[in-house]
Amino acid sequence: MKTRAVRMYGLDDLRLEEFELPEIKDDEILVKVMSDSICMSTYKLVKQGKKHKRAPQNIDTNPIIVGHEFAGDIVQVGKKWQDQFKPGQKFSIQPAINYQGKLDSPGYSYEFCGGAATYCIIPHEVMEMGCLLSYDGESYFQASLGEPMSCIIGGYHANYHTNKKNYEHAMGTKTDGNILIMGGCGPMGLGAVSYGIQFENKPKRIVVTDVNEDRINRAREVISEEHAKEMGVELHYVNTAGMADPIAELMAITQDHGYDDVFVYAPIRQVAEMGDKLLAFDGCMNFFAGPTDSQFKAEINLYNCHYTSTHIMGTTGGNTDDLIEANELSARGAIEPAVMVTHVGGIDSIAEATKNLPSIPGGKKLTYTQFDMPLTAIDDFAKLGERDPLFKKLDECCKAHKGLWCAEAEKVLFEHFGVK
């Protein structure tokens, strides 16, 4: 059958093309992709081309389909998997399959498997590693956002704390502790706030820093301090650009205790060094932001590492359990992945949006692959709705949900474009 897909041929070379998919093998599954959110990791892939560790060396002749944050419907199941999967099932995918120690991954490495497509073929290794997951939520976009949410959840679970009695590590952020999310008013940071206020190791306090007042104002709209208080967490949004002494003022919020868990969401040396200085006794700093510079460095205080048991780690991606947790929490409304989304578009918007991702303001770019639609900011729906009935409906749906993308808006799009 034919598919339309965004394929990568090399450095900065993305093309939306229609081509024939081969018949699936007995150990493969054919899927219809419905939604695919664009990840900064794909931008890094496109900017590195063959130099990227997950990219095949023959992409100029055998291009790969990009996109790894995708969800949709199962269409056809090879004989090997017919006891586990059925046509018509909704699915989500964990792209970090780690099959036999290889780095191959959907959206990075496969000629016929990626999210920026109308249809694609899931290879056997994805199922063998338990990375094709049944999804029971109402909307597809929440399953697409399950992958970035799983990265956030993985960070929370991977942080750890020690004690002076034995060598056991207590996994997860510290219960009733202070969490600092630095550079946290972007899409991933807001996802971290949404998860943090309901995590089982519930903190006493979450402090979120940024240097952009517009981002801070939007953060307050989508996850308010009042809502966090209802959840039992004291939430602060702080603009460090306006502080005379950020270290002293951030410490003061904790009554000079410091922060038990620090997440660095911006790959900026000064931010990482500030996070290190703000750690409490036995504090754990997670360098979550992935730099593009392989020689990225920052100074840390090894005196504190020795005498006050501070420790630094980094996480990238989440595991399958994290994705299952993300999907379950989203399906029952315990977390709100929609806080990440600021733009929505169709399959024809993916290539240019990916190549220019850092220069497009706002948060997550969510795309639907079964139709064409320009990438559009949710904030622009109202103005566009003055002349276009579709955007008027979308604006009404989003305004009824704190200005956030929602299941109702997704249904409006599908009805408008005749997607079933």
Protein backbone atom coordinates (compact mmCIF):
# COMPACT_ATOMS: atom_id res chain seq x y z
CA MET A 1 0.00 0.00 0.00
CA LYS A 2 1.05 3.61 -0.43
CA THR A 3 2.09 5.90 2.40
CA ARG A 4 2.99 9.57 2.66
CA ALA A 5 5.93 10.19 4.92
CA VAL A 6 8.62 12.70 5.79
CA ARG A 7 11.92 11.03 4.95
CA MET A 8 15.48 12.08 5.78
CA TYR A 9 18.13 11.72 3.08
CA GLY A 10 20.97 13.45 4.88
CA LEU A 11 22.03 16.58 6.71
CA ASP A 12 19.11 19.04 6.78
CA ASP A 13 17.42 17.08 3.97
CA LEU A 14 13.80 16.22 4.77
CA ARG A 15 11.25 15.43 2.05
CA LEU A 16 7.53 14.70 2.21
CA GLU A 17 7.00 11.90 -0.31
CA GLU A 18 4.49 9.26 -1.33
CA PHE A 19 5.84 5.77 -1.89
CA GLU A 20 4.90 2.10 -1.73
CA LEU A 21 5.27 0.11 1.48
CA PRO A 22 6.23 -3.57 1.09
CA GLU A 23 3.92 -6.33 2.24
CA ILE A 24 4.45 -6.97 5.95
CA LYS A 25 6.33 -10.07 7.05
CA ASP A 26 4.95 -12.59 9.54
CA ASP A 27 6.83 -10.87 12.36
CA GLU A 28 5.79 -7.28 11.50
CA ILE A 29 2.74 -5.08 12.08
CA LEU A 30 1.21 -2.44 9.80
CA VAL A 31 -0.12 0.65 11.55
CA LYS A 32 -2.03 3.81 10.62
CA VAL A 33 -0.36 6.80 12.27
CA MET A 34 -2.76 9.43 13.61
CA SER A 35 -0.58 11.81 15.63
CA ASP A 36 3.11 12.57 15.93
CA SER A 37 4.61 15.29 18.11
CA ILE A 38 7.93 16.81 17.05
CA CYS A 39 10.89 16.26 19.36
CA MET A 40 14.05 18.33 19.67
CA SER A 41 15.91 15.02 19.31
CA THR A 42 14.67 14.82 15.71
CA TYR A 43 16.00 18.32 15.08
CA LYS A 44 19.39 17.14 16.39
CA LEU A 45 19.18 14.11 14.08
CA VAL A 46 18.48 16.32 11.07
CA LYS A 47 21.33 18.69 11.94
CA GLN A 48 23.82 15.83 12.31
CA GLY A 49 22.74 13.58 9.44
CA LYS A 50 24.97 10.50 9.11
CA LYS A 51 27.04 11.65 12.08
CA HIS A 52 24.11 10.91 14.42
CA LYS A 53 24.67 7.64 16.27
CA ARG A 54 21.23 6.27 15.37
CA ALA A 55 21.31 7.21 11.68
CA PRO A 56 22.23 4.55 9.07
CA GLN A 57 25.12 5.36 6.77
CA ASN A 58 23.07 4.67 3.62
CA ILE A 59 20.28 7.22 4.19
CA ASP A 60 21.13 9.00 0.94
CA THR A 61 19.92 5.92 -0.97
CA ASN A 62 17.67 4.35 1.70
CA PRO A 63 16.10 7.30 3.53
CA ILE A 64 14.52 6.82 6.94
CA ILE A 65 11.11 8.01 8.15
CA VAL A 66 11.51 10.54 10.96
CA GLY A 67 9.30 11.01 14.03
CA HIS A 68 9.25 8.88 17.15
CA GLU A 69 6.46 10.36 19.33
CA PHE A 70 3.56 8.73 17.52
CA ALA A 71 0.30 6.92 18.06
CA GLY A 72 -2.47 5.48 15.94
CA ASP A 73 -4.36 2.32 15.00
CA ILE A 74 -3.14 -1.19 14.19
CA VAL A 75 -4.20 -2.19 10.67
CA GLN A 76 -2.67 -5.59 9.95
CA VAL A 77 -0.88 -8.06 12.23
CA GLY A 78 1.70 -10.63 11.13
CA LYS A 79 1.10 -14.24 12.17
CA LYS A 80 3.70 -14.16 14.96
CA TRP A 81 1.86 -11.44 16.89
CA GLN A 82 -1.81 -12.28 16.27
CA ASP A 83 -2.29 -13.58 19.82
CA GLN A 84 -1.14 -10.22 21.26
CA PHE A 85 -2.42 -7.59 18.83
CA LYS A 86 -5.58 -7.12 16.78
CA PRO A 87 -6.53 -4.80 13.92
CA GLY A 88 -8.36 -1.74 15.25
CA GLN A 89 -6.38 -1.48 18.49
CA LYS A 90 -4.98 1.91 19.40
CA PHE A 91 -1.25 1.86 20.03
CA SER A 92 1.59 3.94 21.40
CA ILE A 93 5.27 3.19 21.00
CA GLN A 94 8.44 3.25 23.09
CA PRO A 95 11.15 4.18 20.56
CA ALA A 96 14.11 3.42 22.87
CA ILE A 97 14.00 -0.30 22.10
CA ASN A 98 17.67 -1.14 22.87
CA TYR A 99 17.47 -4.34 20.83
CA GLN A 100 20.55 -6.54 21.29
CA GLY A 101 22.62 -3.55 22.30
CA LYS A 102 21.95 -1.69 19.04
CA LEU A 103 21.00 1.98 18.85
CA ASP A 104 18.46 1.47 16.04
CA SER A 105 15.21 3.23 16.87
CA PRO A 106 11.89 4.06 15.17
CA GLY A 107 12.05 7.58 13.79
CA TYR A 108 15.83 7.49 13.50
CA SER A 109 16.93 4.29 11.82
CA TYR A 110 14.21 2.57 9.78
CA GLU A 111 13.24 2.88 6.14
CA PHE A 112 9.61 1.96 6.79
CA CYS A 113 9.03 2.85 10.47
CA GLY A 114 8.56 6.37 11.79
CA GLY A 115 5.83 8.65 13.08
CA ALA A 116 5.86 11.29 10.33
CA ALA A 117 3.81 9.04 8.05
CA THR A 118 0.26 8.09 7.17
CA TYR A 119 1.11 4.38 7.46
CA CYS A 120 4.26 2.57 8.56
CA ILE A 121 5.53 -0.92 9.37
CA ILE A 122 6.57 -1.78 12.94
CA PRO A 123 9.61 -4.12 12.80
CA HIS A 124 9.79 -7.32 14.84
CA GLU A 125 12.34 -6.02 17.35
CA VAL A 126 9.87 -3.42 18.66
CA MET A 127 7.39 -6.14 19.63
CA GLU A 128 10.11 -8.48 20.89
CA MET A 129 11.26 -5.77 23.33
CA GLY A 130 7.68 -5.10 24.47
CA CYS A 131 7.78 -1.58 23.03
CA LEU A 132 4.52 -1.61 21.05
CA LEU A 133 1.87 -0.82 23.62
CA SER A 134 -1.90 -1.02 23.55
CA TYR A 135 -3.44 2.35 24.41
CA ASP A 136 -6.94 2.84 25.81
CA GLY A 137 -7.13 6.64 26.13
CA GLU A 138 -9.72 8.84 24.46
CA SER A 139 -7.39 10.86 22.24
CA TYR A 140 -4.35 10.04 20.13
CA PHE A 141 -2.35 13.12 21.00
CA GLN A 142 -2.03 12.07 24.64
CA ALA A 143 -0.40 8.82 23.52
CA SER A 144 2.00 10.76 21.27
CA LEU A 145 2.94 12.89 24.27
CA GLY A 146 3.38 9.73 26.35
CA GLU A 147 6.94 9.41 25.02
CA PRO A 148 8.17 12.84 26.21
CA MET A 149 6.21 12.36 29.44
CA SER A 150 7.97 9.02 29.93
CA CYS A 151 11.32 10.84 29.73
CA ILE A 152 10.16 13.18 32.48
CA ILE A 153 8.85 10.31 34.59
CA GLY A 154 12.12 8.45 34.09
CA GLY A 155 13.99 11.45 35.50
CA TYR A 156 11.84 11.51 38.63
CA HIS A 157 12.32 7.78 39.18
CA ALA A 158 16.06 7.82 38.46
CA ASN A 159 16.99 10.50 41.00
CA TYR A 160 18.25 8.98 44.22
CA HIS A 161 19.24 9.72 47.81
CA THR A 162 21.67 8.11 50.24
CA ASN A 163 22.01 7.72 53.98
CA LYS A 164 24.83 7.31 56.48
CA LYS A 165 23.61 3.96 57.82
CA ASN A 166 24.16 1.73 54.81
CA TYR A 167 24.89 1.84 51.11
CA GLU A 168 21.30 1.58 49.94
CA HIS A 169 20.04 4.23 47.54
CA ALA A 170 16.47 5.47 48.00
CA MET A 171 15.22 5.79 44.43
CA GLY A 172 13.09 8.70 43.27
CA THR A 173 12.86 12.31 44.29
CA LYS A 174 12.73 12.94 48.03
CA THR A 175 9.32 12.70 49.67
CA ASP A 176 8.30 16.01 51.31
CA GLY A 177 11.42 17.63 49.86
CA ASN A 178 12.20 20.67 47.75
CA ILE A 179 12.32 20.28 43.96
CA LEU A 180 13.88 22.88 41.66
CA ILE A 181 13.10 22.76 37.93
CA MET A 182 15.50 25.12 36.16
CA GLY A 183 14.49 26.49 32.76
CA GLY A 184 11.19 24.86 33.54
CA CYS A 185 8.50 26.91 31.76
CA GLY A 186 9.06 25.23 28.39
CA PRO A 187 7.08 22.17 27.28
CA MET A 188 9.15 19.53 29.09
CA GLY A 189 9.43 21.60 32.25
CA LEU A 190 5.66 22.04 32.42
CA GLY A 191 5.25 18.31 31.94
CA ALA A 192 7.60 17.86 34.90
CA VAL A 193 5.45 20.18 37.03
CA SER A 194 2.27 18.33 36.01
CA TYR A 195 3.84 15.02 37.05
CA GLY A 196 5.58 16.35 40.16
CA ILE A 197 2.41 17.57 41.86
CA GLN A 198 0.95 14.06 41.78
CA PHE A 199 4.07 11.84 42.03
CA GLU A 200 3.89 9.25 44.80
CA ASN A 201 7.06 10.74 46.37
CA LYS A 202 5.15 14.01 46.69
CA PRO A 203 7.43 16.99 47.41
CA LYS A 204 6.64 19.75 49.84
CA ARG A 205 7.58 22.39 47.32
CA ILE A 206 8.34 22.80 43.60
CA VAL A 207 10.17 25.90 42.41
CA VAL A 208 10.24 26.56 38.66
CA THR A 209 12.69 29.07 37.19
CA ASP A 210 12.74 30.82 33.82
CA VAL A 211 14.00 34.11 32.39
CA ASN A 212 11.02 34.82 30.10
CA GLU A 213 8.01 36.49 31.68
CA ASP A 214 5.65 35.40 28.87
CA ARG A 215 6.54 31.75 29.43
CA ILE A 216 6.08 32.19 33.18
CA ASN A 217 2.66 33.77 32.68
CA ARG A 218 1.54 30.91 30.44
CA ALA A 219 2.83 28.39 32.98
CA ARG A 220 0.70 30.02 35.67
CA GLU A 221 -2.35 29.80 33.40
CA VAL A 222 -2.01 26.10 32.63
CA ILE A 223 -0.75 24.88 36.04
CA SER A 224 -1.66 27.43 38.68
CA GLU A 225 -0.19 27.74 42.17
CA GLU A 226 -3.74 27.26 43.48
CA HIS A 227 -4.15 23.95 41.66
CA ALA A 228 -0.81 22.70 43.01
CA LYS A 229 -1.90 23.72 46.52
CA GLU A 230 -5.06 21.64 46.10
CA MET A 231 -2.75 18.73 45.27
CA GLY A 232 -0.76 19.35 48.46
CA VAL A 233 2.29 21.00 46.86
CA GLU A 234 3.60 24.54 47.28
CA LEU A 235 4.40 25.82 43.77
CA HIS A 236 6.52 28.87 42.89
CA TYR A 237 7.28 30.34 39.46
CA VAL A 238 10.37 32.56 39.58
CA ASN A 239 12.02 34.84 37.02
CA THR A 240 15.70 34.67 37.93
CA ALA A 241 16.55 37.41 35.39
CA GLY A 242 14.97 39.95 37.73
CA MET A 243 16.82 38.79 40.85
CA ALA A 244 19.76 40.72 42.29
CA ASP A 245 21.11 37.54 43.90
CA PRO A 246 19.38 34.44 42.46
CA ILE A 247 21.25 31.98 44.71
CA ALA A 248 20.28 33.78 47.93
CA GLU A 249 16.69 34.38 46.86
CA LEU A 250 16.12 30.81 45.70
CA MET A 251 17.64 29.49 48.92
CA ALA A 252 15.36 31.78 50.93
CA ILE A 253 12.28 30.09 49.44
CA THR A 254 13.42 26.89 51.20
CA GLN A 255 14.34 28.69 54.45
CA ASP A 256 17.97 28.10 53.41
CA HIS A 257 17.58 24.31 53.44
CA GLY A 258 18.44 24.09 49.72
CA TYR A 259 16.96 21.78 47.11
CA ASP A 260 16.82 18.03 47.56
CA ASP A 261 16.24 17.46 43.84
CA VAL A 262 17.32 19.78 41.04
CA PHE A 263 16.37 19.23 37.40
CA VAL A 264 18.30 21.24 34.82
CA TYR A 265 16.07 21.65 31.76
CA ALA A 266 18.29 24.12 29.88
CA PRO A 267 21.72 23.06 28.51
CA ILE A 268 23.39 26.24 29.73
CA ARG A 269 26.59 26.14 31.77
CA GLN A 270 25.56 28.92 34.16
CA VAL A 271 22.25 27.21 34.86
CA ALA A 272 23.92 23.90 35.68
CA GLU A 273 26.46 25.61 37.95
CA MET A 274 23.68 27.49 39.75
CA GLY A 275 21.81 24.23 40.28
CA ASP A 276 24.90 22.67 41.84
CA LYS A 277 25.21 25.58 44.26
CA LEU A 278 21.58 25.21 45.36
CA LEU A 279 21.75 21.54 46.37
CA ALA A 280 20.81 20.60 49.92
CA PHE A 281 22.64 17.96 51.96
CA ASP A 282 22.39 14.69 49.99
CA GLY A 283 20.85 16.68 47.15
CA CYS A 284 20.65 15.12 43.69
CA MET A 285 21.00 17.19 40.51
CA ASN A 286 19.69 15.65 37.30
CA PHE A 287 21.17 17.21 34.16
CA PHE A 288 18.11 16.50 32.02
CA ALA A 289 18.76 18.86 29.11
CA GLY A 290 20.65 17.26 26.24
CA PRO A 291 23.39 19.50 24.80
CA THR A 292 24.40 19.32 21.14
CA ASP A 293 28.03 20.08 22.04
CA SER A 294 29.83 16.82 22.86
CA GLN A 295 32.38 18.83 24.88
CA PHE A 296 29.80 20.65 27.02
CA LYS A 297 31.22 21.17 30.53
CA ALA A 298 30.40 22.98 33.76
CA GLU A 299 32.13 23.38 37.12
CA ILE A 300 30.81 21.48 40.12
CA ASN A 301 31.71 21.80 43.77
CA LEU A 302 33.57 18.63 44.71
CA TYR A 303 34.01 19.87 48.28
CA ASN A 304 30.24 19.64 48.70
CA CYS A 305 30.22 16.32 46.88
CA HIS A 306 32.60 14.96 49.51
CA TYR A 307 31.31 16.61 52.69
CA THR A 308 27.60 17.16 52.07
CA SER A 309 26.93 14.12 49.86
CA THR A 310 25.69 16.08 46.85
CA HIS A 311 25.56 14.08 43.64
CA ILE A 312 25.03 14.73 39.96
CA MET A 313 23.53 12.47 37.31
CA GLY A 314 21.80 12.69 33.97
CA THR A 315 18.89 10.89 32.33
CA THR A 316 17.84 10.63 28.72
CA GLY A 317 14.62 8.98 27.65
CA GLY A 318 12.42 6.75 29.74
CA ASN A 319 11.85 3.00 29.77
CA THR A 320 8.75 1.04 28.81
CA ASP A 321 7.42 1.07 32.39
CA ASP A 322 7.67 4.86 32.36
CA LEU A 323 5.65 5.01 29.13
CA ILE A 324 3.01 2.67 30.51
CA GLU A 325 2.76 4.91 33.57
CA ALA A 326 2.51 8.02 31.40
CA ASN A 327 -0.30 6.53 29.30
CA GLU A 328 -2.24 5.31 32.33
CA LEU A 329 -1.96 8.66 34.10
CA SER A 330 -2.98 10.56 30.95
CA ALA A 331 -5.92 8.26 30.25
CA ARG A 332 -7.41 8.93 33.69
CA GLY A 333 -6.57 12.63 33.72
CA ALA A 334 -4.04 12.49 36.57
CA ILE A 335 -1.47 14.35 34.46
CA GLU A 336 -2.07 16.85 31.67
CA PRO A 337 0.40 16.39 28.78
CA ALA A 338 -1.50 19.07 26.86
CA VAL A 339 0.35 21.71 28.90
CA MET A 340 3.28 21.03 26.53
CA VAL A 341 1.42 21.78 23.28
CA THR A 342 1.37 25.27 21.74
CA HIS A 343 1.12 24.50 18.00
CA VAL A 344 -0.88 22.06 15.85
CA GLY A 345 -0.36 21.15 12.20
CA GLY A 346 -0.68 18.49 9.53
CA ILE A 347 1.81 16.18 7.85
CA ASP A 348 2.83 18.88 5.36
CA SER A 349 4.11 21.08 8.21
CA ILE A 350 6.51 18.52 9.72
CA ALA A 351 9.62 18.96 7.56
CA GLU A 352 9.94 22.74 7.88
CA ALA A 353 8.89 22.77 11.53
CA THR A 354 11.51 20.15 12.38
CA LYS A 355 14.33 21.93 10.54
CA ASN A 356 13.47 25.24 12.23
CA LEU A 357 12.33 23.95 15.62
CA PRO A 358 14.51 26.13 17.91
CA SER A 359 13.41 29.31 16.14
CA ILE A 360 9.67 28.63 16.45
CA PRO A 361 8.47 30.12 19.74
CA GLY A 362 6.31 28.26 22.20
CA GLY A 363 6.24 24.67 23.31
CA LYS A 364 5.50 21.32 21.73
CA LYS A 365 4.52 21.10 18.05
CA LEU A 366 1.81 18.46 17.65
CA THR A 367 1.05 17.14 14.16
CA TYR A 368 -1.65 14.96 12.68
CA THR A 369 -0.44 12.89 9.75
CA GLN A 370 -3.67 11.99 7.94
CA PHE A 371 -4.20 15.48 6.47
CA ASP A 372 -2.44 18.69 5.46
CA MET A 373 -2.67 21.77 7.68
CA PRO A 374 -0.25 24.65 8.29
CA LEU A 375 1.48 24.62 11.67
CA THR A 376 -0.69 26.97 13.72
CA ALA A 377 -0.28 28.40 17.21
CA ILE A 378 -3.21 27.73 19.54
CA ASP A 379 -2.99 31.41 20.53
CA ASP A 380 -3.83 32.32 16.91
CA PHE A 381 -7.02 30.25 16.74
CA ALA A 382 -9.26 33.12 17.88
CA LYS A 383 -8.03 35.57 15.23
CA LEU A 384 -8.18 32.95 12.48
CA GLY A 385 -11.64 31.97 13.70
CA GLU A 386 -13.03 35.38 12.71
CA ARG A 387 -12.98 34.16 9.10
CA ASP A 388 -12.55 30.38 9.33
CA PRO A 389 -15.28 28.28 11.04
CA LEU A 390 -12.78 25.46 11.73
CA PHE A 391 -10.52 27.66 13.84
CA LYS A 392 -13.54 29.19 15.55
CA LYS A 393 -14.55 25.70 16.72
CA LEU A 394 -10.98 24.83 17.72
CA ASP A 395 -10.69 28.07 19.68
CA GLU A 396 -13.92 27.36 21.55
CA CYS A 397 -12.75 23.85 22.44
CA CYS A 398 -9.37 25.04 23.72
CA LYS A 399 -10.80 27.97 25.68
CA ALA A 400 -13.10 25.53 27.46
CA HIS A 401 -9.94 23.68 28.62
CA LYS A 402 -7.79 26.52 30.01
CA GLY A 403 -6.52 27.33 26.51
CA LEU A 404 -5.07 23.82 26.12
CA TRP A 405 -5.31 21.38 23.24
CA CYS A 406 -7.84 18.69 24.11
CA ALA A 407 -9.69 15.57 22.96
CA GLU A 408 -12.65 17.65 21.76
CA ALA A 409 -10.40 19.76 19.52
CA GLU A 410 -8.82 16.61 18.11
CA LYS A 411 -12.29 15.29 17.22
CA VAL A 412 -13.17 18.57 15.52
CA LEU A 413 -10.08 18.26 13.32
CA PHE A 414 -10.82 14.64 12.43
CA GLU A 415 -14.44 15.45 11.54
CA HIS A 416 -13.38 18.44 9.43
CA PHE A 417 -10.85 16.45 7.42
CA GLY A 418 -12.94 13.27 7.26
CA VAL A 419 -10.48 11.15 9.23
CA LYS A 420 -11.87 7.86 10.58
